[in-house]
C-alpha atoms as a PDB file:
ATOM      1  CA  MET A   1       0.487  -0.235  -0.152  1.00  0.00           C
ATOM      2  CA  THR A   2       1.126   3.171  -0.308  1.00  0.00           C
ATOM      3  CA  ASP A   3       1.433   6.238   2.206  1.00  0.00           C
ATOM      4  CA  LYS A   4      -2.257   8.042   1.133  1.00  0.00           C
ATOM      5  CA  GLU A   5      -3.825   4.333   0.951  1.00  0.00           C
ATOM      6  CA  LYS A   6      -2.571   4.001   4.227  1.00  0.00           C
ATOM      7  CA  MET A   7      -3.857   6.756   5.671  1.00  0.00           C
ATOM      8  CA  LEU A   8      -7.135   7.051   4.678  1.00  0.00           C
ATOM      9  CA  ALA A   9      -7.119   3.062   5.673  1.00  0.00           C
ATOM     10  CA  GLY A  10      -6.714   4.737   9.279  1.00  0.00           C
ATOM     11  CA  LEU A  11      -3.519   2.706   8.952  1.00  0.00           C
ATOM     12  CA  PRO A  12       0.248   3.885  10.507  1.00  0.00           C
ATOM     13  CA  TYR A  13       1.737   5.889   7.138  1.00  0.00           C
ATOM     14  CA  ASN A  14       4.526   8.245   7.179  1.00  0.00           C
ATOM     15  CA  PRO A  15       3.707  11.652   6.122  1.00  0.00           C
ATOM     16  CA  PHE A  16       6.643  13.156   4.995  1.00  0.00           C
ATOM     17  CA  GLY A  17       7.412   9.497   2.799  1.00  0.00           C
ATOM     18  CA  SER A  18       5.668   9.849  -0.226  1.00  0.00           C
ATOM     19  CA  GLY A  19       5.814  12.412  -2.392  1.00  0.00           C
ATOM     20  CA  GLN A  20       2.425  12.095  -3.752  1.00  0.00           C
ATOM     21  CA  LEU A  21       1.917  13.648   0.430  1.00  0.00           C
ATOM     22  CA  VAL A  22       4.051  16.267   0.761  1.00  0.00           C
ATOM     23  CA  GLU A  23       2.781  17.379  -2.455  1.00  0.00           C
ATOM     24  CA  GLU A  24      -1.336  16.630  -1.960  1.00  0.00           C
ATOM     25  CA  ARG A  25      -0.228  18.945   1.264  1.00  0.00           C
ATOM     26  CA  ALA A  26       1.496  21.509  -0.565  1.00  0.00           C
ATOM     27  CA  THR A  27      -0.944  21.602  -3.359  1.00  0.00           C
ATOM     28  CA  CYS A  28      -3.846  22.310  -0.037  1.00  0.00           C
ATOM     29  CA  LYS A  29      -1.803  25.012   0.982  1.00  0.00           C
ATOM     30  CA  GLU A  30      -1.660  27.102  -2.253  1.00  0.00           C
ATOM     31  CA  LYS A  31      -5.554  27.037  -1.981  1.00  0.00           C
ATOM     32  CA  CYS A  32      -6.031  27.834   1.573  1.00  0.00           C
ATOM     33  CA  HIS A  33      -3.240  31.053   0.659  1.00  0.00           C
ATOM     34  CA  ASP A  34      -5.174  31.329  -2.578  1.00  0.00           C
ATOM     35  CA  TYR A  35      -8.384  31.571  -0.205  1.00  0.00           C
ATOM     36  CA  ASN A  36      -7.316  33.228   2.564  1.00  0.00           C
ATOM     37  CA  ASN A  37      -5.723  36.341   0.711  1.00  0.00           C
ATOM     38  CA  LEU A  38      -8.699  37.278  -1.482  1.00  0.00           C
ATOM     39  CA  ARG A  39      -9.773  41.268  -1.254  1.00  0.00           C
ATOM     40  CA  PRO A  40     -13.011  41.849   0.882  1.00  0.00           C
ATOM     41  CA  LYS A  41     -13.951  43.185  -3.274  1.00  0.00           C
ATOM     42  CA  GLU A  42     -12.897  39.418  -4.597  1.00  0.00           C
ATOM     43  CA  MET A  43     -15.211  37.864  -2.084  1.00  0.00           C
ATOM     44  CA  LEU A  44     -17.912  36.312  -4.595  1.00  0.00           C
ATOM     45  CA  LEU A  45     -14.716  34.229  -5.384  1.00  0.00           C
ATOM     46  CA  ARG A  46     -14.843  32.253  -2.051  1.00  0.00           C
ATOM     47  CA  ASP A  47     -18.071  30.019  -2.206  1.00  0.00           C
ATOM     48  CA  GLU A  48     -15.820  28.563  -6.308  1.00  0.00           C
ATOM     49  CA  LEU A  49     -12.566  27.920  -4.574  1.00  0.00           C
ATOM     50  CA  LEU A  50     -14.290  25.929  -1.017  1.00  0.00           C
ATOM     51  CA  ARG A  51     -15.700  24.724  -3.760  1.00  0.00           C
ATOM     52  CA  GLY A  52     -12.545  23.272  -5.198  1.00  0.00           C
ATOM     53  CA  LEU A  53     -10.545  22.864  -1.794  1.00  0.00           C
ATOM     54  CA  LEU A  54     -12.925  21.123  -0.408  1.00  0.00           C
ATOM     55  CA  GLY A  55     -14.029  17.200  -1.010  1.00  0.00           C
ATOM     56  CA  SER A  56     -17.733  17.658  -0.999  1.00  0.00           C
ATOM     57  CA  VAL A  57     -20.034  20.444  -1.213  1.00  0.00           C
ATOM     58  CA  LYS A  58     -24.218  19.992  -0.762  1.00  0.00           C
ATOM     59  CA  GLY A  59     -25.265  23.178  -0.192  1.00  0.00           C
ATOM     60  CA  ASP A  60     -24.435  26.815   0.545  1.00  0.00           C
ATOM     61  CA  LEU A  61     -21.224  27.370   2.983  1.00  0.00           C
ATOM     62  CA  LEU A  62     -19.620  31.030   4.274  1.00  0.00           C
ATOM     63  CA  ILE A  63     -16.039  29.901   5.561  1.00  0.00           C
ATOM     64  CA  GLU A  64     -14.725  32.529   7.018  1.00  0.00           C
ATOM     65  CA  GLN A  65     -11.212  33.610   6.082  1.00  0.00           C
ATOM     66  CA  PRO A  66      -8.535  32.567   6.980  1.00  0.00           C
ATOM     67  CA  PHE A  67      -9.176  28.806   6.576  1.00  0.00           C
ATOM     68  CA  TYR A  68      -7.164  26.293   7.223  1.00  0.00           C
ATOM     69  CA  CYS A  69      -6.674  22.836   6.386  1.00  0.00           C
ATOM     70  CA  ASP A  70      -3.774  19.713   5.100  1.00  0.00           C
ATOM     71  CA  TYR A  71      -5.565  18.106   2.042  1.00  0.00           C
ATOM     72  CA  GLY A  72      -9.345  19.481   1.691  1.00  0.00           C
ATOM     73  CA  TYR A  73     -10.942  16.427  -0.131  1.00  0.00           C
ATOM     74  CA  ASN A  74     -11.519  14.541   3.059  1.00  0.00           C
ATOM     75  CA  ILE A  75     -13.976  17.578   4.069  1.00  0.00           C
ATOM     76  CA  LYS A  76     -17.461  16.724   3.759  1.00  0.00           C
ATOM     77  CA  VAL A  77     -19.935  20.111   4.496  1.00  0.00           C
ATOM     78  CA  GLY A  78     -23.979  19.362   4.427  1.00  0.00           C
ATOM     79  CA  HIS A  79     -26.160  22.188   3.300  1.00  0.00           C
ATOM     80  CA  ASN A  80     -25.977  25.543   5.763  1.00  0.00           C
ATOM     81  CA  PHE A  81     -22.538  24.953   6.869  1.00  0.00           C
ATOM     82  CA  TYR A  82     -20.887  28.259   8.731  1.00  0.00           C
ATOM     83  CA  ALA A  83     -17.136  28.650  10.402  1.00  0.00           C
ATOM     84  CA  ASN A  84     -16.077  31.968  11.467  1.00  0.00           C
ATOM     85  CA  PHE A  85     -12.589  33.248  11.555  1.00  0.00           C
ATOM     86  CA  ASN A  86      -9.246  30.602  12.300  1.00  0.00           C
ATOM     87  CA  LEU A  87     -10.666  27.389  11.195  1.00  0.00           C
ATOM     88  CA  VAL A  88      -8.315  24.798  11.467  1.00  0.00           C
ATOM     89  CA  ILE A  89      -9.075  20.915   9.456  1.00  0.00           C
ATOM     90  CA  LEU A  90      -6.861  18.432   9.612  1.00  0.00           C
ATOM     91  CA  ASP A  91      -8.321  15.925   8.078  1.00  0.00           C
ATOM     92  CA  GLU A  92      -5.867  12.807   6.872  1.00  0.00           C
ATOM     93  CA  ALA A  93      -8.994  11.384   7.657  1.00  0.00           C
ATOM     94  CA  PRO A  94     -12.130  11.753   6.859  1.00  0.00           C
ATOM     95  CA  VAL A  95     -14.850  15.020   8.291  1.00  0.00           C
ATOM     96  CA  THR A  96     -17.919  15.098   7.997  1.00  0.00           C
ATOM     97  CA  PHE A  97     -20.131  18.297   8.674  1.00  0.00           C
ATOM     98  CA  GLY A  98     -24.449  17.521   8.278  1.00  0.00           C
ATOM     99  CA  ASP A  99     -26.989  21.191   7.396  1.00  0.00           C
ATOM    100  CA  ASN A 100     -27.060  23.132   9.612  1.00  0.00           C
ATOM    101  CA  VAL A 101     -23.584  23.038  11.912  1.00  0.00           C
ATOM    102  CA  PHE A 102     -21.926  26.153  12.542  1.00  0.00           C
ATOM    103  CA  ILE A 103     -18.959  27.332  13.605  1.00  0.00           C
ATOM    104  CA  ALA A 104     -17.461  29.999  15.845  1.00  0.00           C
ATOM    105  CA  PRO A 105     -14.318  31.705  15.439  1.00  0.00           C
ATOM    106  CA  ASN A 106     -10.983  29.434  16.424  1.00  0.00           C
ATOM    107  CA  CYS A 107     -12.147  26.035  16.452  1.00  0.00           C
ATOM    108  CA  SER A 108     -10.110  22.937  15.049  1.00  0.00           C
ATOM    109  CA  PHE A 109     -10.375  19.066  13.774  1.00  0.00           C
ATOM    110  CA  TYR A 110      -8.161  17.357  14.557  1.00  0.00           C
ATOM    111  CA  THR A 111      -7.930  13.967  12.599  1.00  0.00           C
ATOM    112  CA  ALA A 112      -3.813  13.476  13.168  1.00  0.00           C
ATOM    113  CA  CYS A 113      -2.834  11.085  15.872  1.00  0.00           C
ATOM    114  CA  HIS A 114       0.704  10.469  17.170  1.00  0.00           C
ATOM    115  CA  PRO A 115       2.019   6.671  18.252  1.00  0.00           C
ATOM    116  CA  ILE A 116       2.497   7.137  22.733  1.00  0.00           C
ATOM    117  CA  ASP A 117       5.893   5.458  22.705  1.00  0.00           C
ATOM    118  CA  PRO A 118       8.477   7.680  21.915  1.00  0.00           C
ATOM    119  CA  LYS A 119      10.475   5.289  19.734  1.00  0.00           C
ATOM    120  CA  THR A 120       7.605   4.527  17.501  1.00  0.00           C
ATOM    121  CA  ARG A 121       6.477   8.447  17.367  1.00  0.00           C
ATOM    122  CA  ASN A 122      10.400   9.261  16.321  1.00  0.00           C
ATOM    123  CA  THR A 123      10.366   7.714  13.494  1.00  0.00           C
ATOM    124  CA  GLY A 124       7.390   9.479  12.032  1.00  0.00           C
ATOM    125  CA  LEU A 125       4.645   7.758  11.628  1.00  0.00           C
ATOM    126  CA  GLU A 126       1.297   8.828  12.082  1.00  0.00           C
ATOM    127  CA  TYR A 127      -2.178   7.403  12.078  1.00  0.00           C
ATOM    128  CA  ALA A 128      -5.617   9.663  11.986  1.00  0.00           C
ATOM    129  CA  LYS A 129      -8.979   8.851  12.822  1.00  0.00           C
ATOM    130  CA  PRO A 130     -12.489  10.425  11.358  1.00  0.00           C
ATOM    131  CA  ILE A 131     -14.393  12.893  12.964  1.00  0.00           C
ATOM    132  CA  THR A 132     -18.601  13.365  12.231  1.00  0.00           C
ATOM    133  CA  VAL A 133     -20.286  15.961  13.611  1.00  0.00           C
ATOM    134  CA  GLY A 134     -24.265  15.334  12.616  1.00  0.00           C
ATOM    135  CA  ASN A 135     -27.254  18.045  11.775  1.00  0.00           C
ATOM    136  CA  ASN A 136     -28.045  20.986  13.429  1.00  0.00           C
ATOM    137  CA  VAL A 137     -24.739  21.639  15.717  1.00  0.00           C
ATOM    138  CA  TRP A 138     -23.018  24.960  17.469  1.00  0.00           C
ATOM    139  CA  ILE A 139     -19.784  24.738  18.267  1.00  0.00           C
ATOM    140  CA  GLY A 140     -18.843  27.405  20.565  1.00  0.00           C
ATOM    141  CA  GLY A 141     -15.636  29.535  19.722  1.00  0.00           C
ATOM    142  CA  SER A 142     -12.436  28.081  20.492  1.00  0.00           C
ATOM    143  CA  VAL A 143     -13.533  23.965  20.822  1.00  0.00           C
ATOM    144  CA  THR A 144     -10.873  22.042  20.018  1.00  0.00           C
ATOM    145  CA  VAL A 145     -12.627  18.246  18.431  1.00  0.00           C
ATOM    146  CA  LEU A 146     -10.046  15.485  18.616  1.00  0.00           C
ATOM    147  CA  PRO A 147      -9.405  12.478  16.737  1.00  0.00           C
ATOM    148  CA  GLY A 148     -12.028   9.252  16.487  1.00  0.00           C
ATOM    149  CA  ILE A 149     -14.686  11.716  17.287  1.00  0.00           C
ATOM    150  CA  THR A 150     -18.637  11.887  16.878  1.00  0.00           C
ATOM    151  CA  ILE A 151     -20.769  14.250  17.917  1.00  0.00           C
ATOM    152  CA  GLY A 152     -24.355  13.382  17.342  1.00  0.00           C
ATOM    153  CA  ASP A 153     -27.124  15.579  16.054  1.00  0.00           C
ATOM    154  CA  ASN A 154     -28.705  18.547  17.273  1.00  0.00           C
ATOM    155  CA  CYS A 155     -25.944  19.057  19.228  1.00  0.00           C
ATOM    156  CA  VAL A 156     -24.472  22.646  21.102  1.00  0.00           C
ATOM    157  CA  ILE A 157     -20.582  22.526  22.106  1.00  0.00           C
ATOM    158  CA  GLY A 158     -19.797  25.330  24.506  1.00  0.00           C
ATOM    159  CA  ALA A 159     -17.243  27.520  23.830  1.00  0.00           C
ATOM    160  CA  GLY A 160     -13.762  26.548  24.658  1.00  0.00           C
ATOM    161  CA  SER A 161     -14.324  23.088  25.456  1.00  0.00           C
ATOM    162  CA  VAL A 162     -11.879  20.110  24.188  1.00  0.00           C
ATOM    163  CA  VAL A 163     -13.806  17.070  22.818  1.00  0.00           C
ATOM    164  CA  VAL A 164     -12.045  14.136  23.553  1.00  0.00           C
ATOM    165  CA  ASN A 165     -14.794  11.640  23.494  1.00  0.00           C
ATOM    166  CA  ASP A 166     -18.253  11.403  21.613  1.00  0.00           C
ATOM    167  CA  ILE A 167     -21.346  13.400  22.261  1.00  0.00           C
ATOM    168  CA  PRO A 168     -24.666  11.694  22.081  1.00  0.00           C
ATOM    169  CA  THR A 169     -27.836  13.431  20.002  1.00  0.00           C
ATOM    170  CA  ASP A 170     -29.509  16.495  21.692  1.00  0.00           C
ATOM    171  CA  SER A 171     -26.524  17.225  23.868  1.00  0.00           C
ATOM    172  CA  VAL A 172     -25.613  20.722  25.724  1.00  0.00           C
ATOM    173  CA  ALA A 173     -21.739  19.593  26.115  1.00  0.00           C
ATOM    174  CA  VAL A 174     -18.649  22.179  27.937  1.00  0.00           C
ATOM    175  CA  GLY A 175     -15.322  21.651  29.271  1.00  0.00           C
ATOM    176  CA  ASN A 176     -11.733  20.292  29.363  1.00  0.00           C
ATOM    177  CA  PRO A 177     -12.685  17.771  29.329  1.00  0.00           C
ATOM    178  CA  CYS A 178     -15.872  17.862  27.314  1.00  0.00           C
ATOM    179  CA  ARG A 179     -18.966  16.652  29.354  1.00  0.00           C
ATOM    180  CA  VAL A 180     -22.534  16.685  28.489  1.00  0.00           C
ATOM    181  CA  ILE A 181     -24.259  18.897  31.425  1.00  0.00           C
ATOM    182  CA  LYS A 182     -27.525  18.668  29.449  1.00  0.00           C
ATOM    183  CA  LYS A 183     -29.937  17.035  27.149  1.00  0.00           C
ATOM    184  CA  VAL A 184     -32.051  19.735  24.832  1.00  0.00           C
ATOM    185  CA  GLU A 185     -35.683  19.631  25.487  1.00  0.00           C
ATOM    186  CA  LYS A 186     -39.008  20.691  24.349  1.00  0.00           C
ATOM    187  CA  ALA A 187     -38.953  23.554  26.920  1.00  0.00           C
ATOM    188  CA  ASP A 188     -35.072  24.867  24.629  1.00  0.00           C
ATOM    189  CA  ARG A 189     -37.116  24.733  21.734  1.00  0.00           C
END
């Protein structure tokens, strides 16, 4: 298997051992640079550039600049997606956002994992786990979502949270580590 095939399969791979992955990251960084440096009068180009960068877009979207990702093609967004300033997505594995997802400023989604054993880690090997965010999710400012996490439908993640475990549907969750503090109920609707 190539390093890219290993990466996409969630197996250990060397991100610098393959010219293909290095080239794909460089191409993605060029696209992010172009997007992040649009002048205010050029904002009509944002949608076109984002659709050329991301793997799948189902409907309307807006990601405020700056926005950074590693590959782009592993990011899938549903209808009515909005992300505020300073979104970072390390998309070595798929990162999937459902419909009506709203992300506040300074949020990060990390799929890349590194071995705990220092000898193995120092070889440069890494692996990746996907992130899935359901429908109707609001993610507060400065939230970090770690590899392998699923956030269910109709959730609110409080500002400053570090999401280290899955968050069930219809939950309000906050903190570091992020914990469910209440279920979304009829009174909240």
